[in-house]
Amino acid sequence: MRHLIDPLDFTLEETTKVLDLADRIAENPEVYSHVADGKKIATLFYEPSTRTRLSFESAMLSLGGKALGFAGAEQSSATKGETVADTARVVSCYADIIAMRHPKEGAPLRASMYATVPVINAGDGGHNHPTQTLIDLMTIRQRKGHLDHLTVGFCGDLKFGRTVHSLVNSLVRHPGNEFYFISPEELKIPDYVVEETLKPNQSFYKEVTSLEETLPKLDVLYMTRVQKERFFNEEDYVRLKDTYILNQEKLNLAQPDMPVLHPLPRVDEIATDVDQDPRAAYFDQVQNGKYIRMALIMALLEVPDPLTGRTVL
């Protein structure tokens, strides 16, 4: 039995197979509409979510399965003091696979240690968000045709942005990628990402503060919001939340084929005038989210692909 807690839980070859399956699902969704008949996913979301929770549920429904779960800790037995370990044991009796989002780093990992069904980390605090990483990889590969030898810029909240940390961890496995980290000093990329990911892989990286000066150098731009829920001091949040705003005027400085990604939700860090630009890829990410999670559910439940007759993992 396999789980997905960290993006590196899958080898590079396995990750590529999941991306390939997601592409086949996107091209032929009707072929996959009954491959998970009779299966159930439990979405255990201890934090608010729109896209991720509905995407998991939509993915299972699109495979012919069913969904159950909760959309807030206050709706669960956590309010009575039930541990994550016991919740995992209990829910394993009701569902075939679990997707968990939790504000505490490591909670989905702990759940996987006690669950008797596969567990997917749907985001744990500021740590990891592996399914969003797969979505980002799929979208970049669609737009650029490859995942190597790219110059990728990450802008905004790089300190608390779990999607950034996860994506960097995955992109360093592809040769020739270079990284620009665009943020204020207070929200710069954490030292552990530099020391444990970038330096060991001998990846080129540069920490900068100017979005305008960096845009012309980039093949891909990954924007993030400044997350109010990660701040202990509201004064710091108010001071930093509008530091970087991408609008059409700034986007005109970029290459004509540079996709703009964002894990969403956005606040005002991407102006709405960018939405009509063909480089805006963030709503493509939303659509790809369903296909990736369909592929991932099939992979972890060892459901054969009807087009190839083989399982992914």
Protein backbone atom coordinates (compact mmCIF):
# COMPACT_ATOMS: atom_id res chain seq x y z
CA MET A 1 0.00 0.00 0.00
CA ARG A 2 1.36 3.38 -1.03
CA HIS A 3 0.66 6.88 0.33
CA LEU A 4 1.47 10.34 -1.04
CA ILE A 5 2.66 12.54 1.82
CA ASP A 6 5.66 14.23 0.22
CA PRO A 7 6.23 14.95 -3.50
CA LEU A 8 9.35 12.79 -3.35
CA ASP A 9 7.38 9.73 -2.21
CA PHE A 10 7.13 8.97 -5.93
CA THR A 11 10.25 8.42 -7.99
CA LEU A 12 10.81 10.64 -11.01
CA GLU A 13 9.65 7.76 -13.24
CA GLU A 14 6.49 7.23 -11.16
CA THR A 15 5.74 10.96 -11.20
CA THR A 16 6.05 11.00 -14.98
CA LYS A 17 3.67 8.03 -15.24
CA VAL A 18 1.08 9.85 -13.11
CA LEU A 19 1.42 12.96 -15.31
CA ASP A 20 1.05 10.82 -18.44
CA LEU A 21 -2.09 9.18 -17.04
CA ALA A 22 -3.54 12.61 -16.17
CA ASP A 23 -2.93 13.71 -19.77
CA ARG A 24 -4.76 10.63 -21.08
CA ILE A 25 -7.68 11.31 -18.72
CA ALA A 26 -7.85 14.93 -19.90
CA GLU A 27 -8.04 13.75 -23.51
CA ASN A 28 -10.52 10.90 -22.92
CA PRO A 29 -12.47 11.55 -19.69
CA GLU A 30 -15.40 9.36 -20.67
CA VAL A 31 -13.14 6.29 -20.86
CA TYR A 32 -12.43 6.61 -17.13
CA SER A 33 -15.97 7.37 -15.91
CA HIS A 34 -16.55 3.98 -14.25
CA VAL A 35 -13.09 2.67 -13.32
CA ALA A 36 -13.68 3.33 -9.59
CA ASP A 37 -17.30 2.17 -9.33
CA GLY A 38 -18.02 1.20 -5.74
CA LYS A 39 -14.97 3.03 -4.30
CA LYS A 40 -15.18 5.86 -1.76
CA ILE A 41 -12.86 8.73 -0.86
CA ALA A 42 -12.96 10.45 2.53
CA THR A 43 -11.93 14.11 2.45
CA LEU A 44 -10.78 15.05 5.96
CA PHE A 45 -10.24 18.82 5.82
CA TYR A 46 -9.31 20.42 9.12
CA GLU A 47 -8.72 23.75 7.29
CA PRO A 48 -11.02 25.70 4.96
CA SER A 49 -10.67 24.82 1.28
CA THR A 50 -12.65 25.24 -1.91
CA ARG A 51 -10.56 24.02 -4.83
CA THR A 52 -8.66 21.18 -3.22
CA ARG A 53 -11.55 19.51 -1.39
CA LEU A 54 -14.03 19.87 -4.26
CA SER A 55 -11.36 18.77 -6.71
CA PHE A 56 -10.76 15.52 -4.82
CA GLU A 57 -14.48 14.87 -4.56
CA SER A 58 -15.08 15.74 -8.21
CA ALA A 59 -12.19 13.46 -9.19
CA MET A 60 -13.66 10.46 -7.40
CA LEU A 61 -17.17 11.16 -8.73
CA SER A 62 -15.73 11.45 -12.25
CA LEU A 63 -14.19 7.98 -11.81
CA GLY A 64 -17.56 6.53 -10.80
CA GLY A 65 -16.89 6.49 -7.06
CA LYS A 66 -18.39 8.35 -4.11
CA ALA A 67 -17.16 10.94 -1.61
CA LEU A 68 -17.69 11.60 2.08
CA GLY A 69 -15.96 13.70 4.70
CA PHE A 70 -15.94 17.05 6.46
CA ALA A 71 -14.82 20.58 5.61
CA GLY A 72 -13.65 21.93 8.96
CA ALA A 73 -12.18 20.71 12.21
CA GLU A 74 -15.25 21.96 14.06
CA GLN A 75 -17.31 19.38 12.13
CA SER A 76 -15.14 16.48 13.27
CA SER A 77 -14.50 14.55 16.48
CA ALA A 78 -11.31 16.59 16.86
CA THR A 79 -13.52 18.97 18.85
CA LYS A 80 -13.98 16.11 21.33
CA GLY A 81 -10.26 15.44 21.52
CA GLU A 82 -9.97 12.57 19.03
CA THR A 83 -6.43 12.15 17.73
CA VAL A 84 -5.43 12.10 14.07
CA ALA A 85 -4.29 8.50 14.55
CA ASP A 86 -7.69 7.38 15.82
CA THR A 87 -9.51 9.33 13.11
CA ALA A 88 -7.39 7.57 10.49
CA ARG A 89 -8.21 4.17 11.99
CA VAL A 90 -11.93 4.94 12.10
CA VAL A 91 -12.24 6.46 8.63
CA SER A 92 -10.32 3.52 7.13
CA CYS A 93 -13.41 1.46 8.00
CA TYR A 94 -15.61 3.71 5.86
CA ALA A 95 -13.52 4.64 2.82
CA ASP A 96 -11.04 3.14 0.37
CA ILE A 97 -8.73 6.18 0.30
CA ILE A 98 -8.26 9.31 2.43
CA ALA A 99 -7.33 12.87 1.45
CA MET A 100 -6.33 14.96 4.49
CA ARG A 101 -5.61 18.66 4.94
CA HIS A 102 -4.41 19.76 8.34
CA PRO A 103 -2.90 22.97 9.80
CA LYS A 104 -0.18 21.00 11.63
CA GLU A 105 2.89 19.84 9.73
CA GLY A 106 3.18 16.07 9.81
CA ALA A 107 -0.48 15.29 10.55
CA PRO A 108 -1.12 13.42 7.25
CA LEU A 109 2.11 11.49 7.77
CA ARG A 110 0.88 10.41 11.20
CA ALA A 111 -2.48 9.45 9.72
CA SER A 112 -0.72 7.26 7.14
CA MET A 113 1.02 5.37 9.94
CA TYR A 114 -2.34 4.22 11.35
CA ALA A 115 -4.67 4.12 8.35
CA THR A 116 -5.33 0.82 6.59
CA VAL A 117 -6.06 2.59 3.29
CA PRO A 118 -3.91 4.96 1.19
CA VAL A 119 -3.57 8.52 2.55
CA ILE A 120 -3.00 11.60 0.39
CA ASN A 121 -1.57 14.75 1.94
CA ALA A 122 -3.83 17.57 0.73
CA GLY A 123 -1.68 20.18 2.49
CA ASP A 124 -0.13 20.22 5.97
CA GLY A 125 0.52 23.66 7.43
CA GLY A 126 3.37 25.43 5.67
CA HIS A 127 5.11 22.15 4.84
CA ASN A 128 3.95 20.26 1.75
CA HIS A 129 1.18 20.14 -0.82
CA PRO A 130 2.16 17.26 -3.12
CA THR A 131 -1.00 17.09 -5.24
CA GLN A 132 -0.69 20.79 -6.05
CA THR A 133 2.89 20.06 -7.08
CA LEU A 134 1.69 17.43 -9.55
CA ILE A 135 -0.83 19.93 -10.91
CA ASP A 136 1.91 22.55 -11.31
CA LEU A 137 4.17 20.07 -13.09
CA MET A 138 1.37 19.04 -15.44
CA THR A 139 0.55 22.66 -16.28
CA ILE A 140 4.18 23.64 -16.86
CA ARG A 141 4.73 20.60 -19.07
CA GLN A 142 1.60 21.44 -21.09
CA ARG A 143 2.74 25.04 -21.62
CA LYS A 144 6.49 24.52 -22.12
CA GLY A 145 6.63 20.94 -23.41
CA HIS A 146 9.24 19.83 -20.86
CA LEU A 147 10.26 20.14 -17.22
CA ASP A 148 14.00 20.60 -17.58
CA HIS A 149 16.30 23.54 -18.39
CA LEU A 150 13.75 26.14 -17.28
CA THR A 151 14.24 29.41 -15.43
CA VAL A 152 11.46 29.55 -12.87
CA GLY A 153 10.57 32.57 -10.75
CA PHE A 154 8.68 32.26 -7.47
CA CYS A 155 7.14 35.50 -6.20
CA GLY A 156 5.42 36.56 -2.98
CA ASP A 157 5.20 34.54 0.21
CA LEU A 158 8.04 32.06 -0.14
CA LYS A 159 8.45 31.49 3.60
CA PHE A 160 5.05 29.97 4.36
CA GLY A 161 4.10 28.89 0.83
CA ARG A 162 3.95 25.09 0.98
CA THR A 163 3.21 24.93 -2.74
CA VAL A 164 6.52 26.69 -3.44
CA HIS A 165 8.53 24.35 -1.22
CA SER A 166 6.95 21.27 -2.80
CA LEU A 167 7.43 22.46 -6.38
CA VAL A 168 11.09 23.37 -5.84
CA ASN A 169 11.68 19.90 -4.37
CA SER A 170 10.29 18.35 -7.55
CA LEU A 171 11.85 20.67 -10.13
CA VAL A 172 15.39 20.14 -8.84
CA ARG A 173 15.09 16.51 -9.99
CA HIS A 174 15.02 17.73 -13.59
CA PRO A 175 18.38 18.84 -15.02
CA GLY A 176 19.27 22.42 -15.84
CA ASN A 177 16.51 24.22 -13.94
CA GLU A 178 17.35 27.60 -12.40
CA PHE A 179 15.39 29.50 -9.77
CA TYR A 180 14.73 33.13 -8.87
CA PHE A 181 13.09 33.76 -5.50
CA ILE A 182 11.36 37.16 -5.49
CA SER A 183 10.20 38.30 -2.07
CA PRO A 184 10.69 40.77 0.77
CA GLU A 185 13.26 39.78 3.38
CA GLU A 186 10.53 38.76 5.85
CA LEU A 187 9.04 36.23 3.43
CA LYS A 188 12.15 34.83 1.75
CA ILE A 189 12.62 31.17 0.92
CA PRO A 190 13.40 29.19 4.11
CA ASP A 191 16.99 28.22 4.80
CA TYR A 192 16.09 24.54 4.93
CA VAL A 193 14.93 24.62 1.29
CA VAL A 194 18.27 26.13 0.32
CA GLU A 195 20.39 23.82 2.47
CA GLU A 196 18.46 20.57 1.98
CA THR A 197 17.23 20.93 -1.61
CA LEU A 198 19.00 23.54 -3.72
CA LYS A 199 22.60 23.20 -2.58
CA PRO A 200 22.74 19.37 -2.54
CA ASN A 201 21.43 19.35 -6.11
CA GLN A 202 23.86 22.13 -7.12
CA SER A 203 20.93 24.13 -8.47
CA PHE A 204 21.44 27.73 -9.52
CA TYR A 205 19.28 30.07 -7.47
CA LYS A 206 19.15 33.76 -6.70
CA GLU A 207 17.18 35.69 -4.08
CA VAL A 208 15.96 39.06 -5.37
CA THR A 209 13.44 41.74 -4.45
CA SER A 210 12.42 43.23 -7.81
CA LEU A 211 9.71 41.50 -9.84
CA GLU A 212 10.05 43.95 -12.74
CA GLU A 213 13.79 43.38 -13.15
CA THR A 214 13.43 39.60 -12.98
CA LEU A 215 10.45 39.06 -15.30
CA PRO A 216 12.39 39.21 -18.61
CA LYS A 217 14.67 36.35 -17.46
CA LEU A 218 11.92 33.87 -16.68
CA ASP A 219 10.44 30.91 -18.56
CA VAL A 220 7.80 30.38 -15.86
CA LEU A 221 6.41 32.69 -13.13
CA TYR A 222 4.80 31.21 -10.02
CA MET A 223 2.85 33.80 -8.02
CA THR A 224 1.64 33.29 -4.45
CA ARG A 225 -0.55 35.23 -2.08
CA VAL A 226 0.62 36.55 1.25
CA GLN A 227 -1.29 34.22 3.59
CA LYS A 228 -2.98 36.01 6.46
CA GLU A 229 -3.60 32.72 8.27
CA ARG A 230 0.16 32.07 8.56
CA PHE A 231 0.89 35.35 10.39
CA PHE A 232 0.95 35.79 14.14
CA ASN A 233 1.07 39.58 13.82
CA GLU A 234 -1.66 41.26 11.75
CA GLU A 235 0.43 44.42 11.47
CA ASP A 236 3.13 42.47 9.60
CA TYR A 237 0.47 41.00 7.29
CA VAL A 238 -1.01 44.41 6.43
CA ARG A 239 2.45 45.83 5.76
CA LEU A 240 3.49 43.04 3.39
CA LYS A 241 0.30 41.85 1.67
CA ASP A 242 0.49 44.28 -1.27
CA THR A 243 4.25 44.10 -1.81
CA TYR A 244 4.02 42.34 -5.17
CA ILE A 245 1.11 42.79 -7.54
CA LEU A 246 1.33 41.48 -11.12
CA ASN A 247 -0.66 43.55 -13.63
CA GLN A 248 -0.71 43.70 -17.41
CA GLU A 249 1.85 46.51 -17.53
CA LYS A 250 4.38 44.43 -15.62
CA LEU A 251 3.51 41.25 -17.54
CA ASN A 252 4.40 43.05 -20.77
CA LEU A 253 8.02 42.90 -19.59
CA ALA A 254 7.97 39.09 -19.74
CA GLN A 255 8.56 36.65 -22.56
CA PRO A 256 5.50 36.11 -24.80
CA ASP A 257 5.27 32.41 -23.86
CA MET A 258 5.95 32.70 -20.12
CA PRO A 259 3.03 31.05 -18.26
CA VAL A 260 1.83 32.63 -15.01
CA LEU A 261 0.90 30.04 -12.40
CA HIS A 262 -0.83 30.57 -9.06
CA PRO A 263 -2.16 27.88 -6.67
CA LEU A 264 -5.16 30.10 -5.83
CA PRO A 265 -7.03 31.61 -4.11
CA ARG A 266 -5.69 35.00 -5.09
CA VAL A 267 -6.45 38.20 -3.26
CA ASP A 268 -5.03 41.04 -5.34
CA GLU A 269 -1.51 39.83 -6.16
CA ILE A 270 -2.61 39.20 -9.76
CA ALA A 271 -4.75 41.98 -11.23
CA THR A 272 -7.85 40.84 -13.09
CA ASP A 273 -6.57 42.43 -16.32
CA VAL A 274 -4.03 39.58 -16.51
CA ASP A 275 -6.83 36.98 -16.73
CA GLN A 276 -7.38 37.63 -20.43
CA ASP A 277 -3.69 37.31 -21.30
CA PRO A 278 -2.91 33.93 -22.93
CA ARG A 279 -0.03 33.52 -20.48
CA ALA A 280 -2.46 33.27 -17.55
CA ALA A 281 -2.36 29.57 -16.64
CA TYR A 282 -3.92 29.54 -13.18
CA PHE A 283 -7.41 28.49 -14.27
CA ASP A 284 -5.81 25.74 -16.38
CA GLN A 285 -4.26 24.57 -13.11
CA VAL A 286 -7.72 24.30 -11.57
CA GLN A 287 -8.93 22.08 -14.43
CA ASN A 288 -5.77 20.01 -14.30
CA GLY A 289 -6.38 19.54 -10.58
CA LYS A 290 -9.27 17.19 -11.28
CA TYR A 291 -7.31 15.17 -13.82
CA ILE A 292 -4.25 14.85 -11.59
CA ARG A 293 -6.34 13.71 -8.63
CA MET A 294 -8.22 11.23 -10.81
CA ALA A 295 -4.87 9.81 -11.91
CA LEU A 296 -3.57 9.75 -8.35
CA ILE A 297 -6.64 7.96 -6.98
CA MET A 298 -6.31 5.34 -9.72
CA ALA A 299 -2.60 4.95 -9.02
CA LEU A 300 -2.92 4.50 -5.24
CA LEU A 301 -5.95 2.19 -5.54
CA GLU A 302 -4.06 0.20 -8.18
CA VAL A 303 -6.85 0.62 -10.72
CA PRO A 304 -5.67 -0.44 -14.21
CA ASP A 305 -5.75 2.19 -16.94
CA PRO A 306 -8.40 1.00 -19.44
CA LEU A 307 -6.30 2.41 -22.31
CA THR A 308 -3.10 0.54 -21.41
CA GLY A 309 -4.35 -2.27 -19.20
CA ARG A 310 -1.64 -1.46 -16.63
CA THR A 311 -1.50 0.16 -13.22
CA VAL A 312 0.73 3.21 -12.71
CA LEU A 313 2.56 2.23 -9.51
